[in-house]
Amino acid sequence: NTLLLDKTGTITLGNREAVAFVPLPGIDELQLADTAQL
């Protein structure tokens, strides 16, 4: 009667991927990307 499914790999393709860097006001996007990478 009831079917339980994990989201990741079942409903979605699998691993989540980074698609964007969203800086807060006053922060340069390149600075955010560099810090996120480190």
PDB file of all heavy atoms in Angstrom:
ATOM      1  N   ASN A   1       0.811  -1.214   0.000  1.00  0.00           N
ATOM      2  CA  ASN A   1       0.000   0.000   0.000  1.00  0.00           C
ATOM      3  C   ASN A   1       0.845   1.266   0.000  1.00  0.00           C
ATOM      4  O   ASN A   1       0.409   2.308  -0.485  1.00  0.00           O
ATOM      5  CB  ASN A   1      -0.908   0.029   1.243  1.00  0.00           C
ATOM      6  CG  ASN A   1      -1.676  -1.257   1.429  1.00  0.00           C
ATOM      7  OD1 ASN A   1      -1.322  -2.080   2.264  1.00  0.00           O
ATOM      8  ND2 ASN A   1      -2.727  -1.445   0.646  1.00  0.00           N
ATOM      9  N   THR A   2       2.053   1.183   0.572  1.00  0.00           N
ATOM     10  CA  THR A   2       2.905   2.361   0.714  1.00  0.00           C
ATOM     11  C   THR A   2       4.297   2.045   0.198  1.00  0.00           C
ATOM     12  O   THR A   2       4.853   0.988   0.498  1.00  0.00           O
ATOM     13  CB  THR A   2       3.007   2.794   2.195  1.00  0.00           C
ATOM     14  OG1 THR A   2       1.688   2.991   2.714  1.00  0.00           O
ATOM     15  CG2 THR A   2       3.794   4.086   2.326  1.00  0.00           C
ATOM     16  N   LEU A   3       4.837   2.962  -0.573  1.00  0.00           N
ATOM     17  CA  LEU A   3       6.166   2.803  -1.156  1.00  0.00           C
ATOM     18  C   LEU A   3       7.060   3.943  -0.690  1.00  0.00           C
ATOM     19  O   LEU A   3       6.754   5.115  -0.910  1.00  0.00           O
ATOM     20  CB  LEU A   3       6.064   2.796  -2.686  1.00  0.00           C
ATOM     21  CG  LEU A   3       7.359   2.792  -3.485  1.00  0.00           C
ATOM     22  CD1 LEU A   3       8.199   1.586  -3.115  1.00  0.00           C
ATOM     23  CD2 LEU A   3       7.059   2.791  -4.974  1.00  0.00           C
ATOM     24  N   LEU A   4       8.161   3.595   0.000  1.00  0.00           N
ATOM     25  CA  LEU A   4       9.119   4.590   0.483  1.00  0.00           C
ATOM     26  C   LEU A   4      10.332   4.596  -0.432  1.00  0.00           C
ATOM     27  O   LEU A   4      10.916   3.533  -0.705  1.00  0.00           O
ATOM     28  CB  LEU A   4       9.559   4.257   1.905  1.00  0.00           C
ATOM     29  CG  LEU A   4       8.688   4.747   3.075  1.00  0.00           C
ATOM     30  CD1 LEU A   4       7.258   4.259   2.954  1.00  0.00           C
ATOM     31  CD2 LEU A   4       9.283   4.285   4.400  1.00  0.00           C
ATOM     32  N   LEU A   5      10.721   5.785  -0.906  1.00  0.00           N
ATOM     33  CA  LEU A   5      11.853   5.889  -1.812  1.00  0.00           C
ATOM     34  C   LEU A   5      12.799   6.980  -1.339  1.00  0.00           C
ATOM     35  O   LEU A   5      12.365   8.078  -0.981  1.00  0.00           O
ATOM     36  CB  LEU A   5      11.394   6.219  -3.238  1.00  0.00           C
ATOM     37  CG  LEU A   5      10.364   5.290  -3.879  1.00  0.00           C
ATOM     38  CD1 LEU A   5       9.000   5.960  -3.873  1.00  0.00           C
ATOM     39  CD2 LEU A   5      10.757   4.939  -5.301  1.00  0.00           C
ATOM     40  N   ASP A   6      14.092   6.667  -1.340  1.00  0.00           N
ATOM     41  CA  ASP A   6      15.087   7.703  -1.093  1.00  0.00           C
ATOM     42  C   ASP A   6      15.079   8.685  -2.244  1.00  0.00           C
ATOM     43  O   ASP A   6      14.871   8.301  -3.400  1.00  0.00           O
ATOM     44  CB  ASP A   6      16.483   7.085  -0.965  1.00  0.00           C
ATOM     45  CG  ASP A   6      16.731   6.539   0.428  1.00  0.00           C
ATOM     46  OD1 ASP A   6      16.180   7.115   1.375  1.00  0.00           O
ATOM     47  OD2 ASP A   6      17.454   5.547   0.554  1.00  0.00           O
ATOM     48  N   LYS A   7      15.313   9.960  -1.925  1.00  0.00           N
ATOM     49  CA  LYS A   7      15.329  10.975  -2.978  1.00  0.00           C
ATOM     50  C   LYS A   7      16.530  10.806  -3.889  1.00  0.00           C
ATOM     51  O   LYS A   7      16.400  10.663  -5.105  1.00  0.00           O
ATOM     52  CB  LYS A   7      15.346  12.369  -2.350  1.00  0.00           C
ATOM     53  CG  LYS A   7      15.300  13.508  -3.376  1.00  0.00           C
ATOM     54  CD  LYS A   7      15.825  14.803  -2.805  1.00  0.00           C
ATOM     55  CE  LYS A   7      17.325  14.741  -2.625  1.00  0.00           C
ATOM     56  NZ  LYS A   7      17.934  16.000  -2.214  1.00  0.00           N
ATOM     57  N   THR A   8      17.728  10.817  -3.289  1.00  0.00           N
ATOM     58  CA  THR A   8      18.949  10.833  -4.076  1.00  0.00           C
ATOM     59  C   THR A   8      19.183   9.487  -4.744  1.00  0.00           C
ATOM     60  O   THR A   8      19.233   8.453  -4.092  1.00  0.00           O
ATOM     61  CB  THR A   8      20.156  11.187  -3.189  1.00  0.00           C
ATOM     62  OG1 THR A   8      19.898  12.426  -2.545  1.00  0.00           O
ATOM     63  CG2 THR A   8      21.418  11.299  -4.017  1.00  0.00           C
ATOM     64  N   GLY A   9      19.320   9.505  -6.071  1.00  0.00           N
ATOM     65  CA  GLY A   9      19.566   8.292  -6.829  1.00  0.00           C
ATOM     66  C   GLY A   9      18.310   7.551  -7.204  1.00  0.00           C
ATOM     67  O   GLY A   9      18.347   6.660  -8.046  1.00  0.00           O
ATOM     68  N   THR A  10      17.198   7.887  -6.584  1.00  0.00           N
ATOM     69  CA  THR A  10      15.931   7.232  -6.893  1.00  0.00           C
ATOM     70  C   THR A  10      15.023   8.180  -7.658  1.00  0.00           C
ATOM     71  O   THR A  10      14.609   7.902  -8.781  1.00  0.00           O
ATOM     72  CB  THR A  10      15.223   6.781  -5.605  1.00  0.00           C
ATOM     73  OG1 THR A  10      16.102   5.957  -4.868  1.00  0.00           O
ATOM     74  CG2 THR A  10      13.950   6.033  -5.921  1.00  0.00           C
ATOM     75  N   ILE A  11      14.734   9.298  -7.038  1.00  0.00           N
ATOM     76  CA  ILE A  11      13.882  10.296  -7.670  1.00  0.00           C
ATOM     77  C   ILE A  11      14.730  11.286  -8.461  1.00  0.00           C
ATOM     78  O   ILE A  11      14.345  11.728  -9.540  1.00  0.00           O
ATOM     79  CB  ILE A  11      13.039  11.012  -6.595  1.00  0.00           C
ATOM     80  CG1 ILE A  11      12.076   9.999  -5.958  1.00  0.00           C
ATOM     81  CG2 ILE A  11      12.271  12.184  -7.181  1.00  0.00           C
ATOM     82  CD1 ILE A  11      11.312  10.540  -4.775  1.00  0.00           C
ATOM     83  N   THR A  12      15.886  11.617  -7.920  1.00  0.00           N
ATOM     84  CA  THR A  12      16.818  12.491  -8.637  1.00  0.00           C
ATOM     85  C   THR A  12      17.930  11.647  -9.246  1.00  0.00           C
ATOM     86  O   THR A  12      18.087  10.480  -8.924  1.00  0.00           O
ATOM     87  CB  THR A  12      17.416  13.542  -7.690  1.00  0.00           C
ATOM     88  OG1 THR A  12      18.132  12.876  -6.647  1.00  0.00           O
ATOM     89  CG2 THR A  12      16.318  14.391  -7.073  1.00  0.00           C
ATOM     90  N   LEU A  13      18.710  12.264 -10.126  1.00  0.00           N
ATOM     91  CA  LEU A  13      19.737  11.524 -10.853  1.00  0.00           C
ATOM     92  C   LEU A  13      20.823  10.988  -9.943  1.00  0.00           C
ATOM     93  O   LEU A  13      21.477  10.017 -10.261  1.00  0.00           O
ATOM     94  CB  LEU A  13      20.361  12.406 -11.939  1.00  0.00           C
ATOM     95  CG  LEU A  13      19.478  12.654 -13.167  1.00  0.00           C
ATOM     96  CD1 LEU A  13      20.179  13.594 -14.131  1.00  0.00           C
ATOM     97  CD2 LEU A  13      19.129  11.353 -13.863  1.00  0.00           C
ATOM     98  N   GLY A  14      21.042  11.621  -8.833  1.00  0.00           N
ATOM     99  CA  GLY A  14      22.081  11.134  -7.931  1.00  0.00           C
ATOM    100  C   GLY A  14      22.711  12.269  -7.175  1.00  0.00           C
ATOM    101  O   GLY A  14      22.044  12.986  -6.435  1.00  0.00           O
ATOM    102  N   ASN A  15      23.986  12.460  -7.375  1.00  0.00           N
ATOM    103  CA  ASN A  15      24.708  13.474  -6.623  1.00  0.00           C
ATOM    104  C   ASN A  15      24.297  14.876  -7.051  1.00  0.00           C
ATOM    105  O   ASN A  15      24.143  15.166  -8.237  1.00  0.00           O
ATOM    106  CB  ASN A  15      26.211  13.289  -6.837  1.00  0.00           C
ATOM    107  CG  ASN A  15      26.686  11.922  -6.411  1.00  0.00           C
ATOM    108  OD1 ASN A  15      26.287  11.427  -5.370  1.00  0.00           O
ATOM    109  ND2 ASN A  15      27.519  11.289  -7.217  1.00  0.00           N
ATOM    110  N   ARG A  16      24.147  15.739  -6.058  1.00  0.00           N
ATOM    111  CA  ARG A  16      23.853  17.140  -6.348  1.00  0.00           C
ATOM    112  C   ARG A  16      25.101  17.823  -6.895  1.00  0.00           C
ATOM    113  O   ARG A  16      26.222  17.476  -6.521  1.00  0.00           O
ATOM    114  CB  ARG A  16      23.370  17.850  -5.084  1.00  0.00           C
ATOM    115  CG  ARG A  16      22.057  17.323  -4.566  1.00  0.00           C
ATOM    116  CD  ARG A  16      21.791  17.769  -3.147  1.00  0.00           C
ATOM    117  NE  ARG A  16      22.774  17.171  -2.235  1.00  0.00           N
ATOM    118  CZ  ARG A  16      22.721  17.317  -0.918  1.00  0.00           C
ATOM    119  NH1 ARG A  16      21.767  18.027  -0.371  1.00  0.00           N
ATOM    120  NH2 ARG A  16      23.636  16.743  -0.154  1.00  0.00           N
ATOM    121  N   GLU A  17      24.906  18.803  -7.761  1.00  0.00           N
ATOM    122  CA  GLU A  17      26.019  19.508  -8.369  1.00  0.00           C
ATOM    123  C   GLU A  17      25.891  21.001  -8.113  1.00  0.00           C
ATOM    124  O   GLU A  17      24.783  21.556  -8.092  1.00  0.00           O
ATOM    125  CB  GLU A  17      26.067  19.246  -9.877  1.00  0.00           C
ATOM    126  CG  GLU A  17      26.355  17.798 -10.229  1.00  0.00           C
ATOM    127  CD  GLU A  17      26.519  17.598 -11.717  1.00  0.00           C
ATOM    128  OE1 GLU A  17      26.306  18.576 -12.470  1.00  0.00           O
ATOM    129  OE2 GLU A  17      26.857  16.469 -12.128  1.00  0.00           O
ATOM    130  N   ALA A  18      27.038  21.639  -7.935  1.00  0.00           N
ATOM    131  CA  ALA A  18      27.055  23.098  -7.761  1.00  0.00           C
ATOM    132  C   ALA A  18      26.753  23.761  -9.101  1.00  0.00           C
ATOM    133  O   ALA A  18      27.353  23.412 -10.124  1.00  0.00           O
ATOM    134  CB  ALA A  18      28.418  23.544  -7.249  1.00  0.00           C
ATOM    135  N   VAL A  19      25.826  24.707  -9.083  1.00  0.00           N
ATOM    136  CA  VAL A  19      25.447  25.384 -10.332  1.00  0.00           C
ATOM    137  C   VAL A  19      25.664  26.888 -10.273  1.00  0.00           C
ATOM    138  O   VAL A  19      25.683  27.550 -11.317  1.00  0.00           O
ATOM    139  CB  VAL A  19      23.968  25.098 -10.688  1.00  0.00           C
ATOM    140  CG1 VAL A  19      23.766  23.619 -10.993  1.00  0.00           C
ATOM    141  CG2 VAL A  19      23.028  25.533  -9.565  1.00  0.00           C
ATOM    142  N   ALA A  20      25.835  27.454  -9.062  1.00  0.00           N
ATOM    143  CA  ALA A  20      26.009  28.914  -8.981  1.00  0.00           C
ATOM    144  C   ALA A  20      26.606  29.309  -7.640  1.00  0.00           C
ATOM    145  O   ALA A  20      26.409  28.625  -6.626  1.00  0.00           O
ATOM    146  CB  ALA A  20      24.668  29.622  -9.186  1.00  0.00           C
ATOM    147  N   PHE A  21      27.363  30.436  -7.666  1.00  0.00           N
ATOM    148  CA  PHE A  21      27.831  31.087  -6.450  1.00  0.00           C
ATOM    149  C   PHE A  21      27.009  32.359  -6.277  1.00  0.00           C
ATOM    150  O   PHE A  21      26.943  33.189  -7.191  1.00  0.00           O
ATOM    151  CB  PHE A  21      29.320  31.445  -6.551  1.00  0.00           C
ATOM    152  CG  PHE A  21      30.221  30.244  -6.714  1.00  0.00           C
ATOM    153  CD1 PHE A  21      30.877  30.004  -7.911  1.00  0.00           C
ATOM    154  CD2 PHE A  21      30.405  29.356  -5.668  1.00  0.00           C
ATOM    155  CE1 PHE A  21      31.709  28.910  -8.064  1.00  0.00           C
ATOM    156  CE2 PHE A  21      31.235  28.246  -5.809  1.00  0.00           C
ATOM    157  CZ  PHE A  21      31.879  28.023  -7.007  1.00  0.00           C
ATOM    158  N   VAL A  22      26.374  32.517  -5.118  1.00  0.00           N
ATOM    159  CA  VAL A  22      25.503  33.681  -4.869  1.00  0.00           C
ATOM    160  C   VAL A  22      26.130  34.498  -3.736  1.00  0.00           C
ATOM    161  O   VAL A  22      25.975  34.173  -2.553  1.00  0.00           O
ATOM    162  CB  VAL A  22      24.080  33.227  -4.485  1.00  0.00           C
ATOM    163  CG1 VAL A  22      23.170  34.446  -4.318  1.00  0.00           C
ATOM    164  CG2 VAL A  22      23.512  32.257  -5.518  1.00  0.00           C
ATOM    165  N   PRO A  23      26.858  35.604  -4.067  1.00  0.00           N
ATOM    166  CA  PRO A  23      27.525  36.388  -3.013  1.00  0.00           C
ATOM    167  C   PRO A  23      26.539  37.295  -2.274  1.00  0.00           C
ATOM    168  O   PRO A  23      25.510  37.715  -2.831  1.00  0.00           O
ATOM    169  CB  PRO A  23      28.538  37.217  -3.805  1.00  0.00           C
ATOM    170  CG  PRO A  23      27.923  37.364  -5.165  1.00  0.00           C
ATOM    171  CD  PRO A  23      27.138  36.109  -5.417  1.00  0.00           C
ATOM    172  N   LEU A  24      26.832  37.548  -1.001  1.00  0.00           N
ATOM    173  CA  LEU A  24      26.047  38.519  -0.249  1.00  0.00           C
ATOM    174  C   LEU A  24      26.422  39.925  -0.705  1.00  0.00           C
ATOM    175  O   LEU A  24      27.471  40.131  -1.331  1.00  0.00           O
ATOM    176  CB  LEU A  24      26.319  38.364   1.245  1.00  0.00           C
ATOM    177  CG  LEU A  24      25.835  37.055   1.898  1.00  0.00           C
ATOM    178  CD1 LEU A  24      26.106  37.097   3.394  1.00  0.00           C
ATOM    179  CD2 LEU A  24      24.368  36.800   1.636  1.00  0.00           C
ATOM    180  N   PRO A  25      25.579  40.930  -0.427  1.00  0.00           N
ATOM    181  CA  PRO A  25      25.888  42.305  -0.834  1.00  0.00           C
ATOM    182  C   PRO A  25      27.257  42.748  -0.312  1.00  0.00           C
ATOM    183  O   PRO A  25      27.612  42.492   0.842  1.00  0.00           O
ATOM    184  CB  PRO A  25      24.758  43.117  -0.187  1.00  0.00           C
ATOM    185  CG  PRO A  25      23.623  42.152  -0.083  1.00  0.00           C
ATOM    186  CD  PRO A  25      24.249  40.830   0.210  1.00  0.00           C
ATOM    187  N   GLY A  26      28.030  43.366  -1.217  1.00  0.00           N
ATOM    188  CA  GLY A  26      29.358  43.852  -0.842  1.00  0.00           C
ATOM    189  C   GLY A  26      30.461  42.846  -1.047  1.00  0.00           C
ATOM    190  O   GLY A  26      31.639  43.153  -0.825  1.00  0.00           O
ATOM    191  N   ILE A  27      30.122  41.615  -1.455  1.00  0.00           N
ATOM    192  CA  ILE A  27      31.113  40.565  -1.674  1.00  0.00           C
ATOM    193  C   ILE A  27      31.231  40.300  -3.169  1.00  0.00           C
ATOM    194  O   ILE A  27      30.220  40.147  -3.866  1.00  0.00           O
ATOM    195  CB  ILE A  27      30.739  39.264  -0.935  1.00  0.00           C
ATOM    196  CG1 ILE A  27      30.563  39.519   0.562  1.00  0.00           C
ATOM    197  CG2 ILE A  27      31.784  38.181  -1.177  1.00  0.00           C
ATOM    198  CD1 ILE A  27      31.806  39.984   1.269  1.00  0.00           C
ATOM    199  N   ASP A  28      32.465  40.262  -3.658  1.00  0.00           N
ATOM    200  CA  ASP A  28      32.694  39.975  -5.069  1.00  0.00           C
ATOM    201  C   ASP A  28      32.483  38.485  -5.335  1.00  0.00           C
ATOM    202  O   ASP A  28      32.908  37.634  -4.539  1.00  0.00           O
ATOM    203  CB  ASP A  28      34.121  40.389  -5.451  1.00  0.00           C
ATOM    204  CG  ASP A  28      34.394  40.155  -6.933  1.00  0.00           C
ATOM    205  OD1 ASP A  28      33.767  40.818  -7.763  1.00  0.00           O
ATOM    206  OD2 ASP A  28      35.223  39.265  -7.231  1.00  0.00           O
ATOM    207  N   GLU A  29      31.849  38.163  -6.461  1.00  0.00           N
ATOM    208  CA  GLU A  29      31.547  36.767  -6.780  1.00  0.00           C
ATOM    209  C   GLU A  29      32.817  35.947  -6.972  1.00  0.00           C
ATOM    210  O   GLU A  29      32.873  34.777  -6.590  1.00  0.00           O
ATOM    211  CB  GLU A  29      30.670  36.688  -8.040  1.00  0.00           C
ATOM    212  CG  GLU A  29      30.172  35.275  -8.342  1.00  0.00           C
ATOM    213  CD  GLU A  29      29.158  35.229  -9.487  1.00  0.00           C
ATOM    214  OE1 GLU A  29      28.557  36.280  -9.790  1.00  0.00           O
ATOM    215  OE2 GLU A  29      28.987  34.142 -10.070  1.00  0.00           O
ATOM    216  N   LEU A  30      33.857  36.563  -7.558  1.00  0.00           N
ATOM    217  CA  LEU A  30      35.121  35.862  -7.735  1.00  0.00           C
ATOM    218  C   LEU A  30      35.749  35.524  -6.385  1.00  0.00           C
ATOM    219  O   LEU A  30      36.306  34.441  -6.196  1.00  0.00           O
ATOM    220  CB  LEU A  30      36.081  36.721  -8.569  1.00  0.00           C
ATOM    221  CG  LEU A  30      37.473  36.127  -8.824  1.00  0.00           C
ATOM    222  CD1 LEU A  30      37.366  34.801  -9.561  1.00  0.00           C
ATOM    223  CD2 LEU A  30      38.331  37.121  -9.619  1.00  0.00           C
ATOM    224  N   GLN A  31      35.636  36.461  -5.433  1.00  0.00           N
ATOM    225  CA  GLN A  31      36.161  36.207  -4.090  1.00  0.00           C
ATOM    226  C   GLN A  31      35.429  35.038  -3.438  1.00  0.00           C
ATOM    227  O   GLN A  31      36.037  34.170  -2.809  1.00  0.00           O
ATOM    228  CB  GLN A  31      36.024  37.463  -3.225  1.00  0.00           C
ATOM    229  CG  GLN A  31      36.490  37.263  -1.784  1.00  0.00           C
ATOM    230  CD  GLN A  31      36.120  38.446  -0.890  1.00  0.00           C
ATOM    231  OE1 GLN A  31      35.512  39.427  -1.344  1.00  0.00           O
ATOM    232  NE2 GLN A  31      36.468  38.350   0.386  1.00  0.00           N
ATOM    233  N   LEU A  32      34.091  34.995  -3.609  1.00  0.00           N
ATOM    234  CA  LEU A  32      33.297  33.899  -3.046  1.00  0.00           C
ATOM    235  C   LEU A  32      33.690  32.568  -3.678  1.00  0.00           C
ATOM    236  O   LEU A  32      33.858  31.559  -2.982  1.00  0.00           O
ATOM    237  CB  LEU A  32      31.803  34.169  -3.271  1.00  0.00           C
ATOM    238  CG  LEU A  32      30.857  33.016  -2.897  1.00  0.00           C
ATOM    239  CD1 LEU A  32      30.952  32.697  -1.415  1.00  0.00           C
ATOM    240  CD2 LEU A  32      29.412  33.373  -3.286  1.00  0.00           C
ATOM    241  N   ALA A  33      33.882  32.566  -5.019  1.00  0.00           N
ATOM    242  CA  ALA A  33      34.243  31.340  -5.709  1.00  0.00           C
ATOM    243  C   ALA A  33      35.603  30.827  -5.245  1.00  0.00           C
ATOM    244  O   ALA A  33      35.795  29.621  -5.031  1.00  0.00           O
ATOM    245  CB  ALA A  33      34.244  31.568  -7.217  1.00  0.00           C
ATOM    246  N   ASP A  34      36.560  31.760  -5.074  1.00  0.00           N
ATOM    247  CA  ASP A  34      37.896  31.369  -4.634  1.00  0.00           C
ATOM    248  C   ASP A  34      37.853  30.786  -3.223  1.00  0.00           C
ATOM    249  O   ASP A  34      38.479  29.752  -2.922  1.00  0.00           O
ATOM    250  CB  ASP A  34      38.816  32.594  -4.683  1.00  0.00           C
ATOM    251  CG  ASP A  34      40.273  32.218  -4.439  1.00  0.00           C
ATOM    252  OD1 ASP A  34      40.647  31.063  -4.734  1.00  0.00           O
ATOM    253  OD2 ASP A  34      41.030  33.061  -3.940  1.00  0.00           O
ATOM    254  N   THR A  35      37.107  31.427  -2.340  1.00  0.00           N
ATOM    255  CA  THR A  35      36.988  30.950  -0.964  1.00  0.00           C
ATOM    256  C   THR A  35      36.258  29.609  -0.912  1.00  0.00           C
ATOM    257  O   THR A  35      36.640  28.706  -0.158  1.00  0.00           O
ATOM    258  CB  THR A  35      36.237  31.988  -0.115  1.00  0.00           C
ATOM    259  OG1 THR A  35      36.857  33.264  -0.266  1.00  0.00           O
ATOM    260  CG2 THR A  35      36.239  31.603   1.345  1.00  0.00           C
ATOM    261  N   ALA A  36      35.198  29.472  -1.710  1.00  0.00           N
ATOM    262  CA  ALA A  36      34.436  28.219  -1.750  1.00  0.00           C
ATOM    263  C   ALA A  36      35.304  27.067  -2.239  1.00  0.00           C
ATOM    264  O   ALA A  36      35.229  25.944  -1.732  1.00  0.00           O
ATOM    265  CB  ALA A  36      33.210  28.379  -2.646  1.00  0.00           C
ATOM    266  N   GLN A  37      36.160  27.367  -3.239  1.00  0.00           N
ATOM    267  CA  GLN A  37      37.043  26.321  -3.751  1.00  0.00           C
ATOM    268  C   GLN A  37      38.034  25.860  -2.685  1.00  0.00           C
ATOM    269  O   GLN A  37      38.229  24.658  -2.480  1.00  0.00           O
ATOM    270  CB  GLN A  37      37.800  26.826  -4.972  1.00  0.00           C
ATOM    271  CG  GLN A  37      38.679  25.753  -5.603  1.00  0.00           C
ATOM    272  CD  GLN A  37      39.844  26.351  -6.356  1.00  0.00           C
ATOM    273  OE1 GLN A  37      40.506  27.259  -5.857  1.00  0.00           O
ATOM    274  NE2 GLN A  37      40.092  25.843  -7.552  1.00  0.00           N
ATOM    275  N   LEU A  38      38.661  26.823  -1.985  1.00  0.00           N
ATOM    276  CA  LEU A  38      39.619  26.467  -0.941  1.00  0.00           C
ATOM    277  C   LEU A  38      38.966  25.618   0.146  1.00  0.00           C
ATOM    278  O   LEU A  38      39.547  24.652   0.640  1.00  0.00           O
ATOM    279  CB  LEU A  38      40.220  27.739  -0.327  1.00  0.00           C
ATOM    280  CG  LEU A  38      41.260  28.483  -1.161  1.00  0.00           C
ATOM    281  CD1 LEU A  38      41.626  29.807  -0.491  1.00  0.00           C
ATOM    282  CD2 LEU A  38      42.507  27.623  -1.351  1.00  0.00           C
TER     283      LEU A  38
END
